[in-house]
Amino acid sequence: MIGRRPAAITGAVVLMLGTVGCGGDSRELAGYVREPKPQVGDVALPDGTNDLEPFALTAQPGGLLVTYFGYTNCPDFCPTTMSDLKLALARIDGPERVQVAMVTVDPDRDFVRNPDLCDEAVVLACYVTSFIDGAHALGTDDPALLERAAAPLGVAYNVTTNGDDIEVGHTTSLYAIDDQGELVLTWQYGVTIDDLAADLEQLLDEAAA
């Protein structure tokens, strides 16, 4: 059921796969791996932090792109996730190798200019950079394009309006994408900051190998 609390939407793949180890490493990743790895590198979304220039869902060479689908009016899951990610990045070596992008599932409110909320940028840009400097604010008013970005990752979302009441539901997972545009790891909501940081460092080590 989809309601106000976005945790109501979960992916069936999460339940089937759980967490898995990575190669021969002694440490088991806190996130889980999907096989075959979904590909999203051919999708580009307008970037509200860069004059709406297209931003491809692909990491820089040897790095990671950590992506989250949410909305700025989210009361709990979104700010908690972005805060935890900020703290995790502060604990790792080479955080500059990790790009962060938040994709709005509520573009009618988030991907517009509102001087009362955000000076000279779309609302989402001010929101996401308030957590993480240099983060990218992605969105589109094209439902088909948003679905192209969301579907391979297993993201579900729904926005319903009843008078002045707007309800948004969305998958609350966090996604790591590599420099080939492949989804390499998914974290469920509630992953600890320590585990998130350790996973990021392990993925970066593998990317540099």
N, C-alpha and C. Protein backbone atom coordinates (compact mmCIF):
# COMPACT_ATOMS: atom_id res chain seq x y z
N MET A 1 0.84 -1.18 0.00
CA MET A 1 0.00 0.00 0.00
C MET A 1 0.89 1.24 0.00
N ILE A 2 0.49 2.24 -0.76
CA ILE A 2 1.24 3.47 -0.85
C ILE A 2 0.50 4.55 -0.07
N GLY A 3 1.18 5.18 0.85
CA GLY A 3 0.56 6.24 1.62
C GLY A 3 1.54 7.34 1.90
N ARG A 4 1.35 8.03 3.00
CA ARG A 4 2.23 9.14 3.33
C ARG A 4 3.63 8.67 3.65
N ARG A 5 3.74 7.51 4.27
CA ARG A 5 5.05 7.05 4.71
C ARG A 5 5.70 6.24 3.60
N PRO A 6 6.77 6.78 2.97
CA PRO A 6 7.36 6.14 1.81
C PRO A 6 7.92 4.77 2.07
N ALA A 7 8.14 4.39 3.32
CA ALA A 7 8.67 3.05 3.57
C ALA A 7 7.67 1.98 3.18
N ALA A 8 6.44 2.36 2.90
CA ALA A 8 5.44 1.39 2.50
C ALA A 8 5.78 0.75 1.17
N ILE A 9 6.62 1.41 0.37
CA ILE A 9 7.01 0.84 -0.91
C ILE A 9 8.34 0.17 -0.74
N THR A 10 8.41 -1.12 -0.96
CA THR A 10 9.67 -1.84 -0.88
C THR A 10 9.79 -2.74 -2.09
N GLY A 11 11.03 -3.07 -2.46
CA GLY A 11 11.26 -3.91 -3.62
C GLY A 11 11.26 -5.38 -3.27
N ALA A 12 10.61 -6.17 -4.10
CA ALA A 12 10.59 -7.61 -3.85
C ALA A 12 11.98 -8.19 -3.91
N VAL A 13 12.86 -7.59 -4.74
CA VAL A 13 14.22 -8.08 -4.86
C VAL A 13 14.94 -7.98 -3.53
N VAL A 14 14.64 -6.95 -2.76
CA VAL A 14 15.28 -6.79 -1.46
C VAL A 14 15.00 -8.01 -0.60
N LEU A 15 13.78 -8.45 -0.59
CA LEU A 15 13.39 -9.55 0.25
C LEU A 15 14.01 -10.86 -0.22
N MET A 16 14.22 -10.99 -1.51
CA MET A 16 14.75 -12.24 -2.04
C MET A 16 16.27 -12.34 -1.90
N LEU A 17 16.96 -11.21 -2.07
CA LEU A 17 18.41 -11.28 -2.13
C LEU A 17 19.09 -10.99 -0.81
N GLY A 18 18.56 -10.08 -0.03
CA GLY A 18 19.21 -9.72 1.22
C GLY A 18 20.59 -9.17 0.98
N THR A 19 21.51 -9.39 1.94
CA THR A 19 22.88 -8.93 1.77
C THR A 19 23.76 -10.08 1.34
N VAL A 20 24.81 -9.74 0.59
CA VAL A 20 25.73 -10.76 0.11
C VAL A 20 27.14 -10.28 0.33
N GLY A 21 28.07 -11.21 0.31
CA GLY A 21 29.47 -10.87 0.40
C GLY A 21 29.98 -10.41 -0.95
N CYS A 22 31.22 -9.98 -1.01
CA CYS A 22 31.80 -9.47 -2.24
C CYS A 22 33.12 -10.18 -2.50
N GLY A 23 33.13 -11.00 -3.56
CA GLY A 23 34.35 -11.68 -3.94
C GLY A 23 34.93 -12.49 -2.82
N GLY A 24 36.27 -12.37 -2.61
CA GLY A 24 36.92 -13.13 -1.57
C GLY A 24 37.18 -12.32 -0.31
N ASP A 25 36.63 -11.12 -0.24
CA ASP A 25 36.87 -10.30 0.94
C ASP A 25 36.27 -10.95 2.17
N SER A 26 36.97 -10.74 3.32
CA SER A 26 36.48 -11.33 4.55
C SER A 26 35.27 -10.58 5.08
N ARG A 27 35.17 -9.30 4.73
CA ARG A 27 34.05 -8.51 5.20
C ARG A 27 32.87 -8.66 4.25
N GLU A 28 31.70 -8.82 4.83
CA GLU A 28 30.48 -8.90 4.02
C GLU A 28 29.87 -7.51 3.90
N LEU A 29 29.50 -7.16 2.71
CA LEU A 29 28.89 -5.86 2.48
C LEU A 29 27.55 -5.76 3.20
N ALA A 30 27.26 -4.57 3.69
CA ALA A 30 25.97 -4.34 4.34
C ALA A 30 24.86 -4.19 3.32
N GLY A 31 25.20 -3.67 2.15
CA GLY A 31 24.23 -3.57 1.06
C GLY A 31 24.12 -4.89 0.32
N TYR A 32 23.23 -4.92 -0.66
CA TYR A 32 23.07 -6.15 -1.43
C TYR A 32 23.31 -5.89 -2.91
N VAL A 33 23.74 -6.94 -3.59
CA VAL A 33 24.10 -6.89 -5.00
C VAL A 33 23.02 -7.59 -5.82
N ARG A 34 22.65 -6.98 -6.92
CA ARG A 34 21.72 -7.63 -7.85
C ARG A 34 22.48 -8.16 -9.05
N GLU A 35 22.14 -9.36 -9.46
CA GLU A 35 22.74 -9.97 -10.64
C GLU A 35 21.65 -10.41 -11.60
N PRO A 36 21.76 -10.06 -12.88
CA PRO A 36 22.79 -9.19 -13.46
C PRO A 36 22.63 -7.76 -12.97
N LYS A 37 23.73 -7.02 -12.99
CA LYS A 37 23.70 -5.65 -12.49
C LYS A 37 22.88 -4.76 -13.43
N PRO A 38 21.88 -4.08 -12.90
CA PRO A 38 21.09 -3.16 -13.74
C PRO A 38 21.96 -2.04 -14.31
N GLN A 39 21.63 -1.59 -15.49
CA GLN A 39 22.38 -0.56 -16.19
C GLN A 39 21.51 0.69 -16.31
N VAL A 40 22.04 1.82 -15.83
CA VAL A 40 21.32 3.10 -15.94
C VAL A 40 22.19 4.19 -16.55
N GLY A 41 23.37 3.82 -16.99
CA GLY A 41 24.31 4.82 -17.50
C GLY A 41 23.85 5.52 -18.75
N ASP A 42 22.87 4.97 -19.44
CA ASP A 42 22.38 5.61 -20.66
C ASP A 42 21.28 6.63 -20.37
N VAL A 43 20.96 6.83 -19.11
CA VAL A 43 19.91 7.78 -18.72
C VAL A 43 20.56 9.05 -18.18
N ALA A 44 20.10 10.19 -18.66
CA ALA A 44 20.57 11.48 -18.17
C ALA A 44 19.36 12.33 -17.78
N LEU A 45 19.46 12.97 -16.63
CA LEU A 45 18.38 13.81 -16.12
C LEU A 45 18.87 15.25 -15.98
N PRO A 46 17.99 16.23 -16.16
CA PRO A 46 18.39 17.62 -15.94
C PRO A 46 18.91 17.83 -14.52
N ASP A 47 19.99 18.60 -14.42
CA ASP A 47 20.64 18.85 -13.14
C ASP A 47 20.31 20.26 -12.66
N GLY A 48 19.54 20.36 -11.60
CA GLY A 48 19.14 21.65 -11.08
C GLY A 48 20.25 22.43 -10.43
N THR A 49 21.41 21.80 -10.22
CA THR A 49 22.57 22.51 -9.68
C THR A 49 23.51 22.97 -10.79
N ASN A 50 23.14 22.71 -12.05
CA ASN A 50 24.00 23.07 -13.18
C ASN A 50 23.16 23.53 -14.37
N ASP A 51 22.29 24.50 -14.11
CA ASP A 51 21.50 25.12 -15.18
C ASP A 51 20.72 24.11 -16.01
N LEU A 52 20.29 23.04 -15.38
CA LEU A 52 19.46 22.00 -16.02
C LEU A 52 20.20 21.26 -17.13
N GLU A 53 21.52 21.28 -17.07
CA GLU A 53 22.29 20.49 -18.03
C GLU A 53 22.08 19.00 -17.75
N PRO A 54 22.06 18.16 -18.79
CA PRO A 54 21.87 16.72 -18.57
C PRO A 54 22.99 16.12 -17.72
N PHE A 55 22.60 15.30 -16.77
CA PHE A 55 23.55 14.62 -15.89
C PHE A 55 23.32 13.12 -16.04
N ALA A 56 24.32 12.43 -16.56
CA ALA A 56 24.20 10.99 -16.78
C ALA A 56 24.36 10.24 -15.46
N LEU A 57 23.59 9.18 -15.30
CA LEU A 57 23.66 8.36 -14.09
C LEU A 57 24.85 7.42 -14.18
N THR A 58 26.02 8.01 -14.17
CA THR A 58 27.28 7.28 -14.28
C THR A 58 28.32 7.99 -13.42
N ALA A 59 29.10 7.23 -12.68
CA ALA A 59 30.14 7.82 -11.84
C ALA A 59 31.30 8.31 -12.69
N GLN A 60 32.11 9.16 -12.11
CA GLN A 60 33.36 9.55 -12.74
C GLN A 60 34.31 8.36 -12.74
N PRO A 61 35.29 8.33 -13.64
CA PRO A 61 36.21 7.19 -13.70
C PRO A 61 36.83 6.87 -12.35
N GLY A 62 36.72 5.61 -11.94
CA GLY A 62 37.28 5.16 -10.69
C GLY A 62 36.51 5.59 -9.46
N GLY A 63 35.31 6.14 -9.66
CA GLY A 63 34.54 6.62 -8.53
C GLY A 63 33.19 5.96 -8.41
N LEU A 64 32.34 6.57 -7.61
CA LEU A 64 30.98 6.08 -7.38
C LEU A 64 30.00 7.23 -7.49
N LEU A 65 28.80 6.93 -7.91
CA LEU A 65 27.69 7.87 -7.87
C LEU A 65 26.64 7.28 -6.93
N VAL A 66 26.43 7.93 -5.78
CA VAL A 66 25.42 7.47 -4.83
C VAL A 66 24.15 8.26 -5.07
N THR A 67 23.07 7.55 -5.35
CA THR A 67 21.83 8.17 -5.81
C THR A 67 20.67 7.80 -4.90
N TYR A 68 19.81 8.79 -4.67
CA TYR A 68 18.63 8.60 -3.83
C TYR A 68 17.43 9.23 -4.51
N PHE A 69 16.30 8.55 -4.47
CA PHE A 69 15.05 9.06 -5.03
C PHE A 69 14.15 9.47 -3.86
N GLY A 70 13.75 10.74 -3.83
CA GLY A 70 12.93 11.21 -2.73
C GLY A 70 12.28 12.54 -3.06
N TYR A 71 12.00 13.34 -2.04
CA TYR A 71 11.35 14.64 -2.26
C TYR A 71 11.62 15.55 -1.07
N THR A 72 11.56 16.84 -1.29
CA THR A 72 12.02 17.79 -0.28
C THR A 72 11.06 17.93 0.89
N ASN A 73 9.78 17.62 0.69
CA ASN A 73 8.81 17.72 1.78
C ASN A 73 8.75 16.45 2.62
N CYS A 74 9.60 15.51 2.33
CA CYS A 74 9.65 14.25 3.08
C CYS A 74 9.99 14.54 4.54
N PRO A 75 9.18 14.05 5.48
CA PRO A 75 9.38 14.41 6.88
C PRO A 75 10.44 13.58 7.61
N ASP A 76 10.81 12.43 7.06
CA ASP A 76 11.63 11.54 7.86
C ASP A 76 12.71 10.80 7.06
N PHE A 77 12.31 9.94 6.14
CA PHE A 77 13.27 9.07 5.47
C PHE A 77 14.32 9.84 4.67
N CYS A 78 13.89 10.83 3.91
CA CYS A 78 14.84 11.56 3.06
C CYS A 78 15.88 12.33 3.87
N PRO A 79 15.47 13.18 4.81
CA PRO A 79 16.50 13.90 5.57
C PRO A 79 17.40 12.98 6.39
N THR A 80 16.83 11.90 6.91
CA THR A 80 17.66 10.96 7.67
C THR A 80 18.70 10.31 6.77
N THR A 81 18.28 9.88 5.59
CA THR A 81 19.20 9.24 4.65
C THR A 81 20.30 10.18 4.22
N MET A 82 19.94 11.41 3.87
CA MET A 82 20.95 12.36 3.42
C MET A 82 21.90 12.74 4.55
N SER A 83 21.39 12.86 5.76
CA SER A 83 22.26 13.15 6.91
C SER A 83 23.23 12.01 7.17
N ASP A 84 22.72 10.78 7.13
CA ASP A 84 23.58 9.62 7.35
C ASP A 84 24.65 9.52 6.26
N LEU A 85 24.27 9.80 5.02
CA LEU A 85 25.24 9.74 3.93
C LEU A 85 26.32 10.80 4.13
N LYS A 86 25.95 11.99 4.55
CA LYS A 86 26.92 13.04 4.82
C LYS A 86 27.93 12.58 5.87
N LEU A 87 27.45 11.98 6.95
CA LEU A 87 28.33 11.52 8.01
C LEU A 87 29.21 10.37 7.53
N ALA A 88 28.65 9.48 6.71
CA ALA A 88 29.45 8.37 6.19
C ALA A 88 30.58 8.87 5.29
N LEU A 89 30.29 9.85 4.45
CA LEU A 89 31.32 10.40 3.57
C LEU A 89 32.44 11.06 4.36
N ALA A 90 32.10 11.64 5.50
CA ALA A 90 33.11 12.29 6.33
C ALA A 90 34.07 11.29 6.96
N ARG A 91 33.71 10.01 6.96
CA ARG A 91 34.52 8.99 7.62
C ARG A 91 35.43 8.22 6.67
N ILE A 92 35.30 8.47 5.36
CA ILE A 92 36.06 7.65 4.42
C ILE A 92 37.23 8.43 3.85
N ASP A 93 38.22 7.69 3.33
CA ASP A 93 39.31 8.30 2.60
C ASP A 93 38.84 8.56 1.16
N GLY A 94 39.19 9.71 0.64
CA GLY A 94 38.85 10.01 -0.74
C GLY A 94 37.38 10.27 -0.99
N PRO A 95 36.69 11.02 -0.14
CA PRO A 95 35.27 11.26 -0.37
C PRO A 95 35.00 12.01 -1.67
N GLU A 96 36.02 12.69 -2.19
CA GLU A 96 35.84 13.41 -3.46
C GLU A 96 35.59 12.46 -4.63
N ARG A 97 35.85 11.17 -4.44
CA ARG A 97 35.60 10.19 -5.49
C ARG A 97 34.14 9.74 -5.50
N VAL A 98 33.36 10.23 -4.57
CA VAL A 98 31.95 9.86 -4.49
C VAL A 98 31.09 11.07 -4.84
N GLN A 99 30.36 10.97 -5.93
CA GLN A 99 29.37 11.98 -6.27
C GLN A 99 28.03 11.58 -5.64
N VAL A 100 27.23 12.55 -5.31
CA VAL A 100 25.91 12.31 -4.73
C VAL A 100 24.87 12.98 -5.60
N ALA A 101 23.80 12.27 -5.88
CA ALA A 101 22.68 12.83 -6.65
C ALA A 101 21.37 12.44 -5.99
N MET A 102 20.49 13.41 -5.82
CA MET A 102 19.14 13.14 -5.36
C MET A 102 18.18 13.41 -6.51
N VAL A 103 17.32 12.45 -6.79
CA VAL A 103 16.33 12.57 -7.86
C VAL A 103 14.96 12.78 -7.22
N THR A 104 14.28 13.84 -7.62
CA THR A 104 12.98 14.07 -7.03
C THR A 104 11.88 13.25 -7.72
N VAL A 105 11.01 12.68 -6.90
CA VAL A 105 9.82 12.00 -7.42
C VAL A 105 8.61 12.93 -7.34
N ASP A 106 8.85 14.17 -6.93
CA ASP A 106 7.79 15.18 -6.78
C ASP A 106 8.22 16.46 -7.51
N PRO A 107 8.42 16.37 -8.83
CA PRO A 107 9.01 17.51 -9.55
C PRO A 107 8.12 18.75 -9.57
N ASP A 108 6.81 18.60 -9.45
CA ASP A 108 5.94 19.77 -9.48
C ASP A 108 6.24 20.74 -8.34
N ARG A 109 6.73 20.23 -7.22
CA ARG A 109 7.08 21.09 -6.10
C ARG A 109 8.58 21.28 -5.95
N ASP A 110 9.36 20.27 -6.36
CA ASP A 110 10.80 20.29 -6.10
C ASP A 110 11.64 20.84 -7.23
N PHE A 111 11.16 20.70 -8.47
CA PHE A 111 12.00 21.08 -9.60
C PHE A 111 11.49 22.37 -10.23
N VAL A 112 11.19 23.31 -9.36
CA VAL A 112 10.72 24.64 -9.77
C VAL A 112 11.50 25.67 -8.96
N ARG A 113 11.49 26.89 -9.44
CA ARG A 113 12.11 27.98 -8.71
C ARG A 113 11.09 28.57 -7.75
N ASN A 114 11.47 28.72 -6.50
CA ASN A 114 10.63 29.31 -5.47
C ASN A 114 11.52 30.21 -4.61
N PRO A 115 11.54 31.51 -4.91
CA PRO A 115 12.45 32.42 -4.20
C PRO A 115 12.26 32.41 -2.68
N ASP A 116 11.08 32.03 -2.23
CA ASP A 116 10.86 31.97 -0.78
C ASP A 116 11.62 30.82 -0.13
N LEU A 117 11.96 29.81 -0.93
CA LEU A 117 12.63 28.64 -0.40
C LEU A 117 14.07 28.51 -0.87
N CYS A 118 14.37 29.04 -2.05
CA CYS A 118 15.68 28.80 -2.65
C CYS A 118 16.02 29.94 -3.61
N ASP A 119 17.12 30.61 -3.38
CA ASP A 119 17.54 31.71 -4.24
C ASP A 119 18.19 31.19 -5.52
N GLU A 120 17.66 31.59 -6.66
CA GLU A 120 18.29 31.40 -7.96
C GLU A 120 18.54 29.93 -8.33
N ALA A 121 17.76 29.03 -7.82
CA ALA A 121 17.91 27.61 -8.18
C ALA A 121 16.61 26.89 -7.88
N VAL A 122 16.47 25.70 -8.45
CA VAL A 122 15.28 24.92 -8.13
C VAL A 122 15.34 24.51 -6.67
N VAL A 123 14.18 24.25 -6.10
CA VAL A 123 14.08 23.96 -4.67
C VAL A 123 14.96 22.78 -4.28
N LEU A 124 14.97 21.74 -5.10
CA LEU A 124 15.76 20.54 -4.76
C LEU A 124 17.24 20.85 -4.65
N ALA A 125 17.73 21.79 -5.46
CA ALA A 125 19.16 22.12 -5.42
C ALA A 125 19.56 22.66 -4.06
N CYS A 126 18.76 23.57 -3.53
CA CYS A 126 19.07 24.10 -2.21
C CYS A 126 18.93 23.03 -1.13
N TYR A 127 17.97 22.14 -1.31
CA TYR A 127 17.74 21.09 -0.32
C TYR A 127 18.93 20.13 -0.24
N VAL A 128 19.32 19.57 -1.37
CA VAL A 128 20.33 18.52 -1.33
C VAL A 128 21.71 19.08 -0.99
N THR A 129 22.01 20.30 -1.45
CA THR A 129 23.33 20.87 -1.12
C THR A 129 23.39 21.36 0.32
N SER A 130 22.24 21.49 0.97
CA SER A 130 22.27 21.83 2.40
C SER A 130 22.80 20.66 3.22
N PHE A 131 22.73 19.47 2.66
CA PHE A 131 23.28 18.28 3.32
C PHE A 131 24.71 18.01 2.86
N ILE A 132 24.91 18.03 1.54
CA ILE A 132 26.19 17.62 0.97
C ILE A 132 26.64 18.62 -0.08
N ASP A 133 27.73 19.30 0.17
CA ASP A 133 28.27 20.25 -0.80
C ASP A 133 28.59 19.53 -2.11
N GLY A 134 28.19 20.16 -3.21
CA GLY A 134 28.50 19.59 -4.51
C GLY A 134 27.55 18.51 -4.98
N ALA A 135 26.53 18.19 -4.19
CA ALA A 135 25.56 17.18 -4.60
C ALA A 135 24.75 17.69 -5.79
N HIS A 136 24.22 16.77 -6.55
CA HIS A 136 23.46 17.10 -7.75
C HIS A 136 21.97 16.94 -7.48
N ALA A 137 21.18 17.88 -8.00
CA ALA A 137 19.72 17.86 -7.84
C ALA A 137 19.10 17.52 -9.18
N LEU A 138 18.60 16.30 -9.30
CA LEU A 138 18.10 15.82 -10.58
C LEU A 138 16.59 15.71 -10.59
N GLY A 139 15.99 16.01 -11.74
CA GLY A 139 14.54 15.92 -11.85
C GLY A 139 14.09 16.12 -13.28
N THR A 140 12.83 15.85 -13.52
CA THR A 140 12.25 16.03 -14.85
C THR A 140 10.74 16.06 -14.75
N ASP A 141 10.12 16.82 -15.65
CA ASP A 141 8.67 16.81 -15.73
C ASP A 141 8.17 15.81 -16.77
N ASP A 142 9.10 15.00 -17.27
CA ASP A 142 8.77 13.95 -18.24
C ASP A 142 8.63 12.62 -17.49
N PRO A 143 7.40 12.15 -17.28
CA PRO A 143 7.21 10.92 -16.51
C PRO A 143 7.94 9.72 -17.10
N ALA A 144 8.02 9.65 -18.42
CA ALA A 144 8.69 8.51 -19.06
C ALA A 144 10.18 8.52 -18.76
N LEU A 145 10.79 9.70 -18.75
CA LEU A 145 12.22 9.79 -18.46
C LEU A 145 12.50 9.43 -17.01
N LEU A 146 11.66 9.90 -16.11
CA LEU A 146 11.84 9.55 -14.70
C LEU A 146 11.71 8.04 -14.50
N GLU A 147 10.78 7.44 -15.19
CA GLU A 147 10.60 5.99 -15.08
C GLU A 147 11.80 5.24 -15.64
N ARG A 148 12.41 5.75 -16.70
CA ARG A 148 13.61 5.12 -17.27
C ARG A 148 14.75 5.10 -16.27
N ALA A 149 14.83 6.14 -15.45
CA ALA A 149 15.88 6.19 -14.44
C ALA A 149 15.54 5.31 -13.25
N ALA A 150 14.27 5.27 -12.87
CA ALA A 150 13.87 4.59 -11.64
C ALA A 150 13.71 3.09 -11.81
N ALA A 151 13.10 2.66 -12.90
CA ALA A 151 12.71 1.26 -13.05
C ALA A 151 13.87 0.28 -12.94
N PRO A 152 15.02 0.50 -13.62
CA PRO A 152 16.11 -0.48 -13.53
C PRO A 152 16.64 -0.64 -12.11
N LEU A 153 16.53 0.39 -11.30
CA LEU A 153 17.02 0.34 -9.93
C LEU A 153 16.02 -0.29 -8.98
N GLY A 154 14.79 -0.48 -9.45
CA GLY A 154 13.75 -1.03 -8.60
C GLY A 154 13.05 0.02 -7.76
N VAL A 155 13.12 1.28 -8.20
CA VAL A 155 12.48 2.37 -7.46
C VAL A 155 11.00 2.46 -7.82
N ALA A 156 10.16 2.52 -6.82
CA ALA A 156 8.73 2.75 -7.00
C ALA A 156 8.36 4.07 -6.33
N TYR A 157 7.38 4.76 -6.87
CA TYR A 157 6.98 6.05 -6.32
C TYR A 157 5.56 6.36 -6.77
N ASN A 158 4.91 7.21 -6.02
CA ASN A 158 3.55 7.62 -6.36
C ASN A 158 3.25 8.94 -5.68
N VAL A 159 2.66 9.86 -6.43
CA VAL A 159 2.24 11.15 -5.90
C VAL A 159 0.75 11.30 -6.17
N THR A 160 -0.01 11.50 -5.11
CA THR A 160 -1.46 11.67 -5.26
C THR A 160 -1.87 12.98 -4.60
N THR A 161 -2.86 13.64 -5.22
CA THR A 161 -3.34 14.91 -4.73
C THR A 161 -4.82 14.82 -4.41
N ASN A 162 -5.17 15.26 -3.23
CA ASN A 162 -6.57 15.29 -2.80
C ASN A 162 -6.84 16.68 -2.24
N GLY A 163 -7.31 17.57 -3.11
CA GLY A 163 -7.46 18.96 -2.71
C GLY A 163 -6.09 19.58 -2.48
N ASP A 164 -5.87 20.14 -1.30
CA ASP A 164 -4.57 20.72 -0.96
C ASP A 164 -3.62 19.69 -0.35
N ASP A 165 -4.09 18.48 -0.19
CA ASP A 165 -3.31 17.44 0.47
C ASP A 165 -2.57 16.62 -0.58
N ILE A 166 -1.24 16.61 -0.50
CA ILE A 166 -0.40 15.85 -1.43
C ILE A 166 0.28 14.74 -0.66
N GLU A 167 0.09 13.52 -1.14
CA GLU A 167 0.71 12.35 -0.52
C GLU A 167 1.75 11.77 -1.47
N VAL A 168 2.93 11.49 -0.95
CA VAL A 168 4.02 10.95 -1.75
C VAL A 168 4.52 9.66 -1.12
N GLY A 169 4.63 8.63 -1.92
CA GLY A 169 5.25 7.39 -1.48
C GLY A 169 6.43 7.08 -2.39
N HIS A 170 7.48 6.51 -1.83
CA HIS A 170 8.65 6.19 -2.66
C HIS A 170 9.51 5.15 -1.96
N THR A 171 10.24 4.40 -2.75
CA THR A 171 11.22 3.46 -2.22
C THR A 171 12.31 4.24 -1.50
N THR A 172 12.76 3.72 -0.38
CA THR A 172 13.68 4.48 0.48
C THR A 172 15.12 3.98 0.42
N SER A 173 15.45 3.19 -0.57
CA SER A 173 16.81 2.65 -0.68
C SER A 173 17.78 3.69 -1.23
N LEU A 174 19.05 3.40 -1.06
CA LEU A 174 20.15 4.22 -1.55
C LEU A 174 20.96 3.36 -2.52
N TYR A 175 21.42 3.97 -3.62
CA TYR A 175 22.01 3.19 -4.71
C TYR A 175 23.42 3.67 -5.05
N ALA A 176 24.35 2.72 -5.23
CA ALA A 176 25.71 3.03 -5.66
C ALA A 176 25.88 2.58 -7.11
N ILE A 177 26.26 3.52 -7.97
CA ILE A 177 26.43 3.27 -9.40
C ILE A 177 27.89 3.50 -9.75
N ASP A 178 28.45 2.64 -10.59
CA ASP A 178 29.88 2.75 -10.91
C ASP A 178 30.10 3.56 -12.18
N ASP A 179 31.37 3.58 -12.64
CA ASP A 179 31.71 4.40 -13.80
C ASP A 179 31.33 3.75 -15.12
N GLN A 180 30.71 2.60 -15.07
CA GLN A 180 30.13 1.97 -16.26
C GLN A 180 28.62 2.15 -16.30
N GLY A 181 28.09 2.86 -15.32
CA GLY A 181 26.65 3.08 -15.26
C GLY A 181 25.89 1.88 -14.73
N GLU A 182 26.59 0.98 -14.01
CA GLU A 182 25.94 -0.20 -13.45
C GLU A 182 25.65 -0.01 -11.96
N LEU A 183 24.52 -0.53 -11.54
CA LEU A 183 24.19 -0.54 -10.12
C LEU A 183 25.02 -1.62 -9.44
N VAL A 184 25.92 -1.21 -8.55
CA VAL A 184 26.81 -2.18 -7.92
C VAL A 184 26.38 -2.54 -6.50
N LEU A 185 25.59 -1.68 -5.86
CA LEU A 185 25.15 -1.99 -4.50
C LEU A 185 23.92 -1.17 -4.15
N THR A 186 23.03 -1.80 -3.38
CA THR A 186 21.83 -1.13 -2.88
C THR A 186 21.79 -1.26 -1.37
N TRP A 187 21.55 -0.14 -0.70
CA TRP A 187 21.41 -0.15 0.75
C TRP A 187 19.95 0.08 1.12
N GLN A 188 19.42 -0.74 1.98
CA GLN A 188 18.08 -0.51 2.49
C GLN A 188 18.10 0.60 3.53
N TYR A 189 16.96 1.25 3.69
CA TYR A 189 16.84 2.28 4.71
C TYR A 189 17.17 1.69 6.09
N GLY A 190 17.93 2.41 6.85
CA GLY A 190 18.30 1.95 8.18
C GLY A 190 19.71 1.41 8.28
N VAL A 191 20.43 1.31 7.14
CA VAL A 191 21.83 0.89 7.21
C VAL A 191 22.57 1.86 8.13
N THR A 192 23.46 1.33 8.96
CA THR A 192 24.17 2.19 9.89
C THR A 192 25.19 3.05 9.16
N ILE A 193 25.56 4.15 9.77
CA ILE A 193 26.56 5.04 9.18
C ILE A 193 27.90 4.32 9.05
N ASP A 194 28.26 3.54 10.06
CA ASP A 194 29.52 2.79 10.00
C ASP A 194 29.53 1.81 8.84
N ASP A 195 28.43 1.08 8.65
CA ASP A 195 28.35 0.10 7.56
C ASP A 195 28.35 0.80 6.20
N LEU A 196 27.66 1.91 6.12
CA LEU A 196 27.62 2.65 4.87
C LEU A 196 29.02 3.15 4.50
N ALA A 197 29.73 3.68 5.47
CA ALA A 197 31.09 4.16 5.22
C ALA A 197 32.01 3.01 4.82
N ALA A 198 31.91 1.88 5.51
CA ALA A 198 32.76 0.74 5.20
C ALA A 198 32.48 0.19 3.81
N ASP A 199 31.22 0.13 3.44
CA ASP A 199 30.85 -0.32 2.09
C ASP A 199 31.41 0.62 1.03
N LEU A 200 31.29 1.92 1.26
CA LEU A 200 31.81 2.89 0.30
C LEU A 200 33.31 2.72 0.12
N GLU A 201 34.04 2.57 1.20
CA GLU A 201 35.48 2.40 1.09
C GLU A 201 35.83 1.11 0.36
N GLN A 202 35.09 0.04 0.62
CA GLN A 202 35.34 -1.23 -0.05
C GLN A 202 35.06 -1.11 -1.55
N LEU A 203 33.98 -0.45 -1.91
CA LEU A 203 33.67 -0.27 -3.34
C LEU A 203 34.71 0.60 -4.03
N LEU A 204 35.16 1.64 -3.34
CA LEU A 204 36.19 2.51 -3.92
C LEU A 204 37.51 1.76 -4.10
N ASP A 205 37.86 0.92 -3.14
CA ASP A 205 39.07 0.11 -3.27
C ASP A 205 38.97 -0.81 -4.48
N GLU A 206 37.81 -1.41 -4.66
CA GLU A 206 37.62 -2.31 -5.81
C GLU A 206 37.67 -1.54 -7.12
N ALA A 207 37.13 -0.32 -7.11
CA ALA A 207 37.14 0.50 -8.34
C ALA A 207 38.56 0.91 -8.72
N ALA A 208 39.42 1.05 -7.71
CA ALA A 208 40.79 1.48 -7.97
C ALA A 208 41.70 0.31 -8.30
N ALA A 209 41.24 -0.91 -8.04
CA ALA A 209 42.11 -2.09 -8.24
C ALA A 209 42.38 -2.33 -9.72
